[in-house]
Amino acid sequence: METNTLEKLGLTKNEVKVYLYLLELGSVSAGNLIKKLGMHRAAVYDLIDMLTEKGLVSYIIKANRRYFQAEDPSRLLEYIDIKKQNLIEEENELKNIIPL
C-alpha cells in the first residue's frame, strides 16, 4: 500500500507507519510494535489511539494483554465516506452563516 495515498487521506506519516506495520505483523502487542517501530512508547500509544478513533485499528485481549491489529484496508473506504459526510456538514454550516 502506498504511503502517499494514505497521507492524502489525512493520516500523518507516523499513523501510516503504524497502520502499515500492523497490516504486516497482524495481531501484535504494543511492546513488540514499539520495538519494531523504534519509537517512544507514549508516541506509539497516542498513534494507536488516533488510529482507533478513525476506525483503522482495533485490539483483542489475550491472557490479559492487548494485541493491536489493523482493520482490513477496505475500512479506509468507510473512513473516506465519514470524512466526506463531515465535509458536507461543515459546508452546510458555513452556508448558514455566510450571507448569499
N, C-alpha and C. Protein backbone atom coordinates (compact mmCIF):
# COMPACT_ATOMS: atom_id res chain seq x y z
N MET A 1 0.86 -1.18 0.00
CA MET A 1 0.00 0.00 0.00
C MET A 1 0.90 1.23 0.00
N GLU A 2 0.54 2.21 -0.79
CA GLU A 2 1.37 3.40 -0.95
C GLU A 2 1.14 4.40 0.18
N THR A 3 2.23 4.85 0.80
CA THR A 3 2.12 5.76 1.94
C THR A 3 1.57 7.12 1.53
N ASN A 4 1.91 7.59 0.32
CA ASN A 4 1.41 8.90 -0.13
C ASN A 4 -0.11 8.91 -0.20
N THR A 5 -0.69 7.82 -0.64
CA THR A 5 -2.14 7.73 -0.74
C THR A 5 -2.77 7.83 0.64
N LEU A 6 -2.19 7.14 1.60
CA LEU A 6 -2.72 7.19 2.97
C LEU A 6 -2.55 8.58 3.58
N GLU A 7 -1.46 9.23 3.26
CA GLU A 7 -1.26 10.59 3.76
C GLU A 7 -2.27 11.55 3.13
N LYS A 8 -2.61 11.35 1.88
CA LYS A 8 -3.61 12.18 1.22
C LYS A 8 -4.99 12.02 1.87
N LEU A 9 -5.22 10.84 2.47
CA LEU A 9 -6.48 10.61 3.18
C LEU A 9 -6.54 11.35 4.51
N GLY A 10 -5.40 11.91 4.93
CA GLY A 10 -5.38 12.66 6.17
C GLY A 10 -4.64 11.98 7.30
N LEU A 11 -3.97 10.88 7.02
CA LEU A 11 -3.17 10.23 8.05
C LEU A 11 -1.79 10.88 8.10
N THR A 12 -1.23 10.98 9.29
CA THR A 12 0.13 11.50 9.42
C THR A 12 1.12 10.43 8.99
N LYS A 13 2.37 10.83 8.77
CA LYS A 13 3.41 9.87 8.39
C LYS A 13 3.54 8.76 9.43
N ASN A 14 3.47 9.14 10.71
CA ASN A 14 3.61 8.13 11.76
C ASN A 14 2.37 7.24 11.88
N GLU A 15 1.19 7.79 11.63
CA GLU A 15 -0.01 6.96 11.61
C GLU A 15 0.08 5.93 10.49
N VAL A 16 0.57 6.37 9.33
CA VAL A 16 0.74 5.47 8.20
C VAL A 16 1.71 4.36 8.56
N LYS A 17 2.81 4.75 9.19
CA LYS A 17 3.84 3.77 9.58
C LYS A 17 3.25 2.72 10.52
N VAL A 18 2.50 3.14 11.53
CA VAL A 18 1.89 2.21 12.48
C VAL A 18 0.89 1.32 11.78
N TYR A 19 0.01 1.92 10.97
CA TYR A 19 -1.02 1.15 10.27
C TYR A 19 -0.39 0.08 9.37
N LEU A 20 0.62 0.46 8.60
CA LEU A 20 1.25 -0.49 7.69
C LEU A 20 1.99 -1.60 8.43
N TYR A 21 2.64 -1.25 9.53
CA TYR A 21 3.29 -2.29 10.33
C TYR A 21 2.27 -3.26 10.90
N LEU A 22 1.14 -2.73 11.36
CA LEU A 22 0.11 -3.61 11.90
C LEU A 22 -0.47 -4.51 10.81
N LEU A 23 -0.62 -3.98 9.60
CA LEU A 23 -1.07 -4.81 8.49
C LEU A 23 -0.07 -5.94 8.24
N GLU A 24 1.20 -5.60 8.31
CA GLU A 24 2.27 -6.57 8.06
C GLU A 24 2.37 -7.62 9.17
N LEU A 25 2.27 -7.15 10.42
CA LEU A 25 2.52 -8.03 11.55
C LEU A 25 1.29 -8.80 12.01
N GLY A 26 0.12 -8.32 11.67
CA GLY A 26 -1.11 -8.94 12.17
C GLY A 26 -1.38 -8.48 13.59
N SER A 27 -1.79 -9.39 14.44
CA SER A 27 -2.09 -9.07 15.84
C SER A 27 -0.79 -9.04 16.64
N VAL A 28 -0.51 -7.90 17.27
CA VAL A 28 0.77 -7.72 17.95
C VAL A 28 0.58 -6.92 19.24
N SER A 29 1.40 -7.22 20.24
CA SER A 29 1.35 -6.46 21.48
C SER A 29 1.98 -5.09 21.26
N ALA A 30 1.65 -4.16 22.12
CA ALA A 30 2.21 -2.80 22.00
C ALA A 30 3.73 -2.85 22.14
N GLY A 31 4.22 -3.69 23.04
CA GLY A 31 5.67 -3.80 23.25
C GLY A 31 6.40 -4.21 21.98
N ASN A 32 5.88 -5.22 21.29
CA ASN A 32 6.50 -5.66 20.04
C ASN A 32 6.40 -4.59 18.96
N LEU A 33 5.27 -3.89 18.93
CA LEU A 33 5.10 -2.82 17.95
C LEU A 33 6.09 -1.68 18.22
N ILE A 34 6.26 -1.34 19.48
CA ILE A 34 7.21 -0.28 19.87
C ILE A 34 8.62 -0.66 19.43
N LYS A 35 9.01 -1.91 19.67
CA LYS A 35 10.34 -2.37 19.25
C LYS A 35 10.49 -2.30 17.74
N LYS A 36 9.48 -2.74 17.02
CA LYS A 36 9.54 -2.76 15.56
C LYS A 36 9.65 -1.34 14.98
N LEU A 37 8.90 -0.40 15.58
CA LEU A 37 8.88 0.98 15.08
C LEU A 37 10.07 1.79 15.56
N GLY A 38 10.62 1.44 16.71
CA GLY A 38 11.73 2.21 17.27
C GLY A 38 11.30 3.59 17.72
N MET A 39 10.05 3.70 18.15
CA MET A 39 9.52 4.99 18.59
C MET A 39 9.28 4.95 20.10
N HIS A 40 9.12 6.12 20.69
CA HIS A 40 8.83 6.22 22.12
C HIS A 40 7.49 5.58 22.43
N ARG A 41 7.42 4.93 23.55
CA ARG A 41 6.23 4.19 23.98
C ARG A 41 4.96 5.06 23.96
N ALA A 42 5.06 6.26 24.54
CA ALA A 42 3.89 7.15 24.62
C ALA A 42 3.43 7.56 23.22
N ALA A 43 4.39 7.78 22.32
CA ALA A 43 4.04 8.18 20.96
C ALA A 43 3.28 7.06 20.25
N VAL A 44 3.73 5.84 20.44
CA VAL A 44 3.06 4.70 19.79
C VAL A 44 1.65 4.54 20.33
N TYR A 45 1.49 4.66 21.65
CA TYR A 45 0.15 4.56 22.22
C TYR A 45 -0.76 5.68 21.71
N ASP A 46 -0.22 6.90 21.59
CA ASP A 46 -1.01 8.01 21.04
C ASP A 46 -1.44 7.72 19.61
N LEU A 47 -0.53 7.19 18.81
CA LEU A 47 -0.85 6.87 17.41
C LEU A 47 -1.89 5.77 17.33
N ILE A 48 -1.77 4.76 18.19
CA ILE A 48 -2.76 3.69 18.22
C ILE A 48 -4.13 4.26 18.58
N ASP A 49 -4.16 5.16 19.56
CA ASP A 49 -5.42 5.79 19.96
C ASP A 49 -6.04 6.57 18.80
N MET A 50 -5.22 7.33 18.08
CA MET A 50 -5.74 8.13 16.96
C MET A 50 -6.27 7.23 15.85
N LEU A 51 -5.55 6.16 15.56
CA LEU A 51 -6.00 5.23 14.52
C LEU A 51 -7.25 4.46 14.95
N THR A 52 -7.35 4.19 16.24
CA THR A 52 -8.54 3.52 16.77
C THR A 52 -9.76 4.44 16.62
N GLU A 53 -9.58 5.73 16.94
CA GLU A 53 -10.67 6.70 16.78
C GLU A 53 -11.12 6.80 15.32
N LYS A 54 -10.19 6.62 14.40
CA LYS A 54 -10.52 6.68 12.97
C LYS A 54 -11.08 5.36 12.47
N GLY A 55 -11.12 4.36 13.34
CA GLY A 55 -11.68 3.07 12.96
C GLY A 55 -10.73 2.20 12.16
N LEU A 56 -9.44 2.50 12.21
CA LEU A 56 -8.47 1.78 11.40
C LEU A 56 -7.66 0.76 12.18
N VAL A 57 -7.75 0.81 13.51
CA VAL A 57 -7.05 -0.14 14.38
C VAL A 57 -8.00 -0.59 15.46
N SER A 58 -7.89 -1.85 15.83
CA SER A 58 -8.67 -2.39 16.94
C SER A 58 -7.74 -3.27 17.77
N TYR A 59 -8.28 -3.82 18.84
CA TYR A 59 -7.46 -4.72 19.65
C TYR A 59 -8.31 -5.87 20.17
N ILE A 60 -7.60 -6.93 20.52
CA ILE A 60 -8.21 -8.06 21.19
C ILE A 60 -7.41 -8.31 22.46
N ILE A 61 -8.02 -8.96 23.42
CA ILE A 61 -7.33 -9.25 24.67
C ILE A 61 -7.04 -10.75 24.74
N LYS A 62 -5.76 -11.07 24.91
CA LYS A 62 -5.32 -12.44 25.10
C LYS A 62 -4.46 -12.47 26.36
N ALA A 63 -4.78 -13.35 27.27
CA ALA A 63 -4.01 -13.51 28.50
C ALA A 63 -3.80 -12.16 29.20
N ASN A 64 -4.88 -11.39 29.29
CA ASN A 64 -4.88 -10.07 29.95
C ASN A 64 -3.94 -9.05 29.31
N ARG A 65 -3.61 -9.23 28.04
CA ARG A 65 -2.78 -8.26 27.30
C ARG A 65 -3.53 -7.85 26.04
N ARG A 66 -3.37 -6.60 25.68
CA ARG A 66 -3.97 -6.11 24.44
C ARG A 66 -3.06 -6.42 23.27
N TYR A 67 -3.67 -6.92 22.22
CA TYR A 67 -2.97 -7.16 20.97
C TYR A 67 -3.66 -6.32 19.91
N PHE A 68 -2.89 -5.43 19.30
CA PHE A 68 -3.45 -4.49 18.33
C PHE A 68 -3.36 -5.07 16.93
N GLN A 69 -4.34 -4.68 16.10
CA GLN A 69 -4.36 -5.14 14.72
C GLN A 69 -4.97 -4.07 13.84
N ALA A 70 -4.49 -4.02 12.62
CA ALA A 70 -5.05 -3.08 11.64
C ALA A 70 -6.37 -3.65 11.14
N GLU A 71 -7.32 -2.77 10.93
CA GLU A 71 -8.57 -3.19 10.30
C GLU A 71 -8.28 -3.44 8.82
N ASP A 72 -9.13 -4.21 8.20
CA ASP A 72 -8.99 -4.51 6.79
C ASP A 72 -8.90 -3.21 5.99
N PRO A 73 -8.02 -3.16 4.99
CA PRO A 73 -7.88 -1.93 4.19
C PRO A 73 -9.19 -1.42 3.58
N SER A 74 -10.18 -2.30 3.41
CA SER A 74 -11.47 -1.82 2.89
C SER A 74 -12.10 -0.82 3.86
N ARG A 75 -11.69 -0.84 5.11
CA ARG A 75 -12.18 0.11 6.11
C ARG A 75 -11.79 1.54 5.74
N LEU A 76 -10.75 1.69 4.95
CA LEU A 76 -10.33 3.01 4.50
C LEU A 76 -11.41 3.69 3.67
N LEU A 77 -12.17 2.90 2.92
CA LEU A 77 -13.27 3.47 2.14
C LEU A 77 -14.35 4.03 3.05
N GLU A 78 -14.63 3.33 4.15
CA GLU A 78 -15.59 3.85 5.14
C GLU A 78 -15.05 5.13 5.78
N TYR A 79 -13.76 5.16 6.03
CA TYR A 79 -13.13 6.35 6.60
C TYR A 79 -13.30 7.54 5.66
N ILE A 80 -13.14 7.31 4.37
CA ILE A 80 -13.33 8.38 3.38
C ILE A 80 -14.78 8.84 3.38
N ASP A 81 -15.72 7.91 3.45
CA ASP A 81 -17.15 8.27 3.48
C ASP A 81 -17.47 9.15 4.69
N ILE A 82 -16.90 8.82 5.82
CA ILE A 82 -17.12 9.62 7.04
C ILE A 82 -16.54 11.01 6.85
N LYS A 83 -15.33 11.09 6.28
CA LYS A 83 -14.72 12.40 6.03
C LYS A 83 -15.57 13.22 5.07
N LYS A 84 -16.12 12.58 4.02
CA LYS A 84 -16.98 13.28 3.06
C LYS A 84 -18.22 13.83 3.75
N GLN A 85 -18.85 13.00 4.57
CA GLN A 85 -20.05 13.41 5.27
C GLN A 85 -19.76 14.59 6.20
N ASN A 86 -18.64 14.52 6.91
CA ASN A 86 -18.26 15.63 7.79
C ASN A 86 -18.02 16.91 7.00
N LEU A 87 -17.40 16.78 5.84
CA LEU A 87 -17.14 17.95 5.00
C LEU A 87 -18.44 18.56 4.49
N ILE A 88 -19.40 17.73 4.12
CA ILE A 88 -20.71 18.22 3.67
C ILE A 88 -21.40 18.97 4.82
N GLU A 89 -21.34 18.41 6.03
CA GLU A 89 -21.95 19.07 7.19
C GLU A 89 -21.28 20.41 7.47
N GLU A 90 -19.96 20.47 7.36
CA GLU A 90 -19.25 21.73 7.57
C GLU A 90 -19.62 22.75 6.50
N GLU A 91 -19.76 22.28 5.26
CA GLU A 91 -20.16 23.17 4.18
C GLU A 91 -21.54 23.75 4.44
N ASN A 92 -22.47 22.91 4.88
CA ASN A 92 -23.83 23.38 5.17
C ASN A 92 -23.83 24.38 6.32
N GLU A 93 -23.03 24.12 7.35
CA GLU A 93 -22.95 25.06 8.47
C GLU A 93 -22.43 26.40 8.00
N LEU A 94 -21.42 26.36 7.13
CA LEU A 94 -20.83 27.58 6.61
C LEU A 94 -21.84 28.35 5.75
N LYS A 95 -22.59 27.63 4.94
CA LYS A 95 -23.61 28.27 4.11
C LYS A 95 -24.67 28.96 4.97
N ASN A 96 -24.96 28.42 6.15
CA ASN A 96 -25.94 29.01 7.04
C ASN A 96 -25.47 30.31 7.69
N ILE A 97 -24.15 30.49 7.81
CA ILE A 97 -23.68 31.70 8.47
C ILE A 97 -23.16 32.77 7.49
N ILE A 98 -22.94 32.37 6.25
CA ILE A 98 -22.46 33.34 5.26
C ILE A 98 -23.66 33.83 4.44
N PRO A 99 -23.84 35.15 4.39
CA PRO A 99 -24.93 35.66 3.56
C PRO A 99 -24.64 35.42 2.07
N LEU A 100 -25.67 34.99 1.38
CA LEU A 100 -25.50 34.70 -0.05
C LEU A 100 -25.67 35.91 -0.89
